[in-house]
Amino acid sequence: MPSYSNNDVFSVTFSIHYPTELGESIAVLGSVEELGNWKEYKHHLKWTEGHNWVSTVPLVTKSQSFFYKYILLQDLTEFKGWETGMDRIADL
C-alpha cells in the first residue's frame, strides 16, 4: 500500500457525458474546500462535442479522498439539481 505525506498534492480531472439544454451547465460540488464544501460552485466543467463535460483545469488538492457529485446549473449560478444516488468518492 502506498504511503502519503501531508505534503502530497493530487491533481484530479472530471468528465461526464450529460446532454443539456441551452443555458444549462455542469459543475462539481463536494466535501473539500476546492469543491465548495457542498455550498459554493467552484469547479465548473466545459461542454465539448457529444455532450461531454470536462474540467478545463485540473482540481488541485491535498485531500487524499473526498466526496462529490455532478450538479446541473442554469446560467452558471442557479442550482437545478444534482445527480441521484450516493455521493461519488475520489480515493486518491
N, C-alpha and C. Protein backbone atom coordinates (compact mmCIF):
# COMPACT_ATOMS: atom_id res chain seq x y z
N MET A 1 0.84 -1.17 0.00
CA MET A 1 0.00 0.00 0.00
C MET A 1 0.89 1.24 0.00
N PRO A 2 0.61 2.20 -0.89
CA PRO A 2 1.44 3.41 -0.95
C PRO A 2 1.30 4.25 0.31
N SER A 3 2.35 4.94 0.66
CA SER A 3 2.26 5.85 1.80
C SER A 3 2.21 7.28 1.28
N TYR A 4 1.52 8.13 2.02
CA TYR A 4 1.35 9.51 1.63
C TYR A 4 1.82 10.41 2.75
N SER A 5 2.34 11.55 2.40
CA SER A 5 2.72 12.54 3.40
C SER A 5 1.76 13.72 3.31
N ASN A 6 1.81 14.57 4.32
CA ASN A 6 0.94 15.75 4.34
C ASN A 6 1.29 16.74 3.24
N ASN A 7 2.44 16.57 2.60
CA ASN A 7 2.87 17.49 1.55
C ASN A 7 2.44 17.04 0.16
N ASP A 8 1.84 15.84 0.05
CA ASP A 8 1.42 15.35 -1.26
C ASP A 8 0.29 16.22 -1.82
N VAL A 9 0.35 16.44 -3.12
CA VAL A 9 -0.67 17.20 -3.82
C VAL A 9 -1.21 16.32 -4.93
N PHE A 10 -2.53 16.31 -5.08
CA PHE A 10 -3.19 15.48 -6.08
C PHE A 10 -3.85 16.36 -7.12
N SER A 11 -3.82 15.91 -8.36
CA SER A 11 -4.43 16.61 -9.47
C SER A 11 -5.55 15.73 -10.03
N VAL A 12 -6.76 16.28 -10.08
CA VAL A 12 -7.93 15.50 -10.47
C VAL A 12 -8.65 16.20 -11.63
N THR A 13 -8.98 15.45 -12.66
CA THR A 13 -9.83 15.98 -13.72
C THR A 13 -11.15 15.22 -13.71
N PHE A 14 -12.20 15.92 -14.07
CA PHE A 14 -13.54 15.35 -14.07
C PHE A 14 -14.09 15.35 -15.48
N SER A 15 -14.90 14.36 -15.79
CA SER A 15 -15.63 14.35 -17.06
C SER A 15 -16.89 13.51 -16.91
N ILE A 16 -17.93 13.93 -17.61
CA ILE A 16 -19.19 13.20 -17.57
C ILE A 16 -19.93 13.46 -18.88
N HIS A 17 -20.61 12.46 -19.36
CA HIS A 17 -21.49 12.63 -20.53
C HIS A 17 -22.87 12.95 -20.00
N TYR A 18 -23.39 14.12 -20.39
CA TYR A 18 -24.72 14.52 -19.96
C TYR A 18 -25.30 15.53 -20.93
N PRO A 19 -26.35 15.16 -21.67
CA PRO A 19 -26.99 16.10 -22.59
C PRO A 19 -27.69 17.22 -21.81
N THR A 20 -27.40 18.45 -22.17
CA THR A 20 -28.00 19.61 -21.52
C THR A 20 -28.77 20.44 -22.54
N GLU A 21 -29.54 21.37 -22.02
CA GLU A 21 -30.27 22.30 -22.87
C GLU A 21 -29.57 23.66 -22.83
N LEU A 22 -29.92 24.52 -23.75
CA LEU A 22 -29.33 25.85 -23.84
C LEU A 22 -29.42 26.56 -22.49
N GLY A 23 -28.30 27.10 -22.02
CA GLY A 23 -28.25 27.81 -20.75
C GLY A 23 -27.89 26.95 -19.56
N GLU A 24 -27.92 25.64 -19.72
CA GLU A 24 -27.56 24.74 -18.63
C GLU A 24 -26.07 24.43 -18.68
N SER A 25 -25.52 24.12 -17.51
CA SER A 25 -24.13 23.71 -17.43
C SER A 25 -23.95 22.72 -16.29
N ILE A 26 -22.78 22.10 -16.26
CA ILE A 26 -22.46 21.11 -15.24
C ILE A 26 -21.29 21.62 -14.41
N ALA A 27 -21.37 21.39 -13.10
CA ALA A 27 -20.27 21.71 -12.19
C ALA A 27 -20.10 20.53 -11.24
N VAL A 28 -19.03 20.57 -10.48
CA VAL A 28 -18.77 19.54 -9.48
C VAL A 28 -18.82 20.20 -8.11
N LEU A 29 -19.58 19.61 -7.20
CA LEU A 29 -19.71 20.11 -5.84
C LEU A 29 -19.24 19.00 -4.91
N GLY A 30 -18.52 19.33 -3.83
CA GLY A 30 -18.01 18.26 -2.99
C GLY A 30 -17.66 18.67 -1.58
N SER A 31 -17.05 17.73 -0.89
CA SER A 31 -16.78 17.83 0.54
C SER A 31 -15.47 18.51 0.88
N VAL A 32 -14.74 19.02 -0.10
CA VAL A 32 -13.48 19.72 0.17
C VAL A 32 -13.60 21.18 -0.24
N GLU A 33 -12.75 22.01 0.33
CA GLU A 33 -12.76 23.45 0.05
C GLU A 33 -12.69 23.73 -1.45
N GLU A 34 -11.85 22.98 -2.17
CA GLU A 34 -11.66 23.20 -3.60
C GLU A 34 -12.94 22.94 -4.40
N LEU A 35 -13.87 22.18 -3.83
CA LEU A 35 -15.16 21.91 -4.47
C LEU A 35 -16.31 22.58 -3.73
N GLY A 36 -15.99 23.59 -2.94
CA GLY A 36 -17.01 24.42 -2.33
C GLY A 36 -17.63 23.93 -1.04
N ASN A 37 -17.12 22.83 -0.47
CA ASN A 37 -17.68 22.30 0.79
C ASN A 37 -19.20 22.14 0.73
N TRP A 38 -19.71 21.66 -0.38
CA TRP A 38 -21.14 21.42 -0.62
C TRP A 38 -21.95 22.71 -0.67
N LYS A 39 -21.31 23.89 -0.70
CA LYS A 39 -22.06 25.14 -0.63
C LYS A 39 -21.82 26.10 -1.78
N GLU A 40 -20.66 26.04 -2.41
CA GLU A 40 -20.28 27.04 -3.41
C GLU A 40 -19.84 26.34 -4.70
N TYR A 41 -20.30 26.86 -5.84
CA TYR A 41 -19.99 26.25 -7.14
C TYR A 41 -18.64 26.78 -7.63
N LYS A 42 -17.58 26.03 -7.37
CA LYS A 42 -16.23 26.47 -7.71
C LYS A 42 -15.64 25.77 -8.92
N HIS A 43 -16.08 24.55 -9.21
CA HIS A 43 -15.43 23.77 -10.28
C HIS A 43 -16.44 23.52 -11.41
N HIS A 44 -16.48 24.45 -12.35
CA HIS A 44 -17.38 24.35 -13.50
C HIS A 44 -16.70 23.54 -14.60
N LEU A 45 -17.50 22.75 -15.30
CA LEU A 45 -16.99 21.96 -16.42
C LEU A 45 -17.34 22.65 -17.73
N LYS A 46 -16.64 22.27 -18.78
CA LYS A 46 -16.85 22.86 -20.10
C LYS A 46 -17.49 21.82 -21.02
N TRP A 47 -18.49 22.28 -21.77
CA TRP A 47 -19.16 21.41 -22.74
C TRP A 47 -18.23 21.14 -23.91
N THR A 48 -18.19 19.89 -24.37
CA THR A 48 -17.46 19.53 -25.58
C THR A 48 -18.39 18.72 -26.47
N GLU A 49 -17.97 18.55 -27.70
CA GLU A 49 -18.76 17.82 -28.70
C GLU A 49 -19.28 16.50 -28.13
N GLY A 50 -20.52 16.20 -28.42
CA GLY A 50 -21.13 14.95 -27.98
C GLY A 50 -21.70 15.02 -26.57
N HIS A 51 -21.88 16.23 -26.05
CA HIS A 51 -22.41 16.46 -24.70
C HIS A 51 -21.52 15.86 -23.62
N ASN A 52 -20.22 15.94 -23.84
CA ASN A 52 -19.26 15.54 -22.81
C ASN A 52 -18.80 16.80 -22.09
N TRP A 53 -18.88 16.79 -20.79
CA TRP A 53 -18.47 17.90 -19.94
C TRP A 53 -17.16 17.54 -19.28
N VAL A 54 -16.16 18.43 -19.37
CA VAL A 54 -14.82 18.12 -18.88
C VAL A 54 -14.23 19.30 -18.09
N SER A 55 -13.29 18.98 -17.21
CA SER A 55 -12.55 20.01 -16.48
C SER A 55 -11.69 20.79 -17.46
N THR A 56 -11.69 22.11 -17.33
CA THR A 56 -10.79 22.91 -18.16
C THR A 56 -9.41 23.01 -17.52
N VAL A 57 -9.37 22.94 -16.20
CA VAL A 57 -8.12 22.86 -15.44
C VAL A 57 -8.31 21.79 -14.37
N PRO A 58 -7.25 21.08 -14.05
CA PRO A 58 -7.39 20.05 -13.00
C PRO A 58 -7.68 20.67 -11.64
N LEU A 59 -8.38 19.93 -10.82
CA LEU A 59 -8.57 20.30 -9.44
C LEU A 59 -7.31 19.89 -8.69
N VAL A 60 -6.71 20.81 -7.96
CA VAL A 60 -5.50 20.51 -7.20
C VAL A 60 -5.88 20.53 -5.72
N THR A 61 -5.58 19.42 -5.03
CA THR A 61 -5.97 19.28 -3.63
C THR A 61 -4.93 18.50 -2.86
N LYS A 62 -4.90 18.72 -1.57
CA LYS A 62 -4.06 17.92 -0.68
C LYS A 62 -4.87 16.81 -0.03
N SER A 63 -6.17 16.81 -0.28
CA SER A 63 -7.05 15.78 0.29
C SER A 63 -6.86 14.46 -0.44
N GLN A 64 -6.57 13.43 0.32
CA GLN A 64 -6.35 12.11 -0.27
C GLN A 64 -7.65 11.47 -0.72
N SER A 65 -8.76 11.85 -0.09
CA SER A 65 -10.07 11.35 -0.52
C SER A 65 -11.12 12.40 -0.20
N PHE A 66 -12.21 12.37 -0.98
CA PHE A 66 -13.32 13.30 -0.77
C PHE A 66 -14.55 12.78 -1.49
N PHE A 67 -15.70 13.34 -1.12
CA PHE A 67 -16.98 13.01 -1.74
C PHE A 67 -17.35 14.12 -2.71
N TYR A 68 -18.08 13.75 -3.78
CA TYR A 68 -18.51 14.77 -4.73
C TYR A 68 -19.71 14.29 -5.53
N LYS A 69 -20.36 15.24 -6.18
CA LYS A 69 -21.46 14.96 -7.12
C LYS A 69 -21.39 15.96 -8.25
N TYR A 70 -21.91 15.55 -9.39
CA TYR A 70 -22.09 16.47 -10.51
C TYR A 70 -23.42 17.16 -10.31
N ILE A 71 -23.46 18.47 -10.60
CA ILE A 71 -24.69 19.22 -10.43
C ILE A 71 -25.04 19.94 -11.72
N LEU A 72 -26.32 20.19 -11.89
CA LEU A 72 -26.82 20.89 -13.07
C LEU A 72 -27.15 22.32 -12.67
N LEU A 73 -26.63 23.29 -13.43
CA LEU A 73 -26.86 24.70 -13.17
C LEU A 73 -27.56 25.35 -14.36
N GLN A 74 -28.27 26.42 -14.09
CA GLN A 74 -28.85 27.27 -15.13
C GLN A 74 -28.10 28.58 -15.09
N ASP A 75 -27.61 29.03 -16.23
CA ASP A 75 -26.89 30.30 -16.34
C ASP A 75 -25.71 30.39 -15.36
N LEU A 76 -25.04 29.29 -15.15
CA LEU A 76 -23.82 29.16 -14.33
C LEU A 76 -24.01 29.38 -12.83
N THR A 77 -25.16 29.83 -12.38
CA THR A 77 -25.31 30.14 -10.96
C THR A 77 -26.54 29.56 -10.29
N GLU A 78 -27.60 29.30 -11.04
CA GLU A 78 -28.85 28.82 -10.45
C GLU A 78 -28.87 27.30 -10.39
N PHE A 79 -28.95 26.77 -9.19
CA PHE A 79 -28.96 25.33 -8.98
C PHE A 79 -30.24 24.71 -9.53
N LYS A 80 -30.11 23.67 -10.37
CA LYS A 80 -31.28 22.97 -10.92
C LYS A 80 -31.41 21.56 -10.39
N GLY A 81 -30.33 20.99 -9.87
CA GLY A 81 -30.40 19.64 -9.33
C GLY A 81 -29.05 18.95 -9.39
N TRP A 82 -28.96 17.84 -8.69
CA TRP A 82 -27.73 17.05 -8.75
C TRP A 82 -28.04 15.62 -9.06
N GLU A 83 -27.00 14.90 -9.39
CA GLU A 83 -27.21 13.52 -9.79
C GLU A 83 -27.77 12.72 -8.63
N THR A 84 -28.58 11.73 -8.95
CA THR A 84 -29.21 10.91 -7.94
C THR A 84 -28.24 9.84 -7.46
N GLY A 85 -28.59 9.21 -6.38
CA GLY A 85 -27.77 8.14 -5.85
C GLY A 85 -26.76 8.62 -4.81
N MET A 86 -25.94 7.71 -4.39
CA MET A 86 -24.94 8.01 -3.37
C MET A 86 -23.88 8.96 -3.91
N ASP A 87 -23.23 9.67 -3.00
CA ASP A 87 -22.13 10.54 -3.38
C ASP A 87 -21.03 9.71 -4.02
N ARG A 88 -20.34 10.31 -4.98
CA ARG A 88 -19.17 9.68 -5.56
C ARG A 88 -18.01 9.86 -4.59
N ILE A 89 -17.03 8.96 -4.65
CA ILE A 89 -15.87 9.03 -3.79
C ILE A 89 -14.62 9.10 -4.66
N ALA A 90 -13.81 10.11 -4.40
CA ALA A 90 -12.49 10.19 -5.03
C ALA A 90 -11.51 9.64 -3.98
N ASP A 91 -10.91 8.52 -4.28
CA ASP A 91 -9.93 7.89 -3.39
C ASP A 91 -8.60 7.94 -4.10
N LEU A 92 -7.79 8.94 -3.77
CA LEU A 92 -6.56 9.18 -4.49
C LEU A 92 -5.40 8.50 -3.82
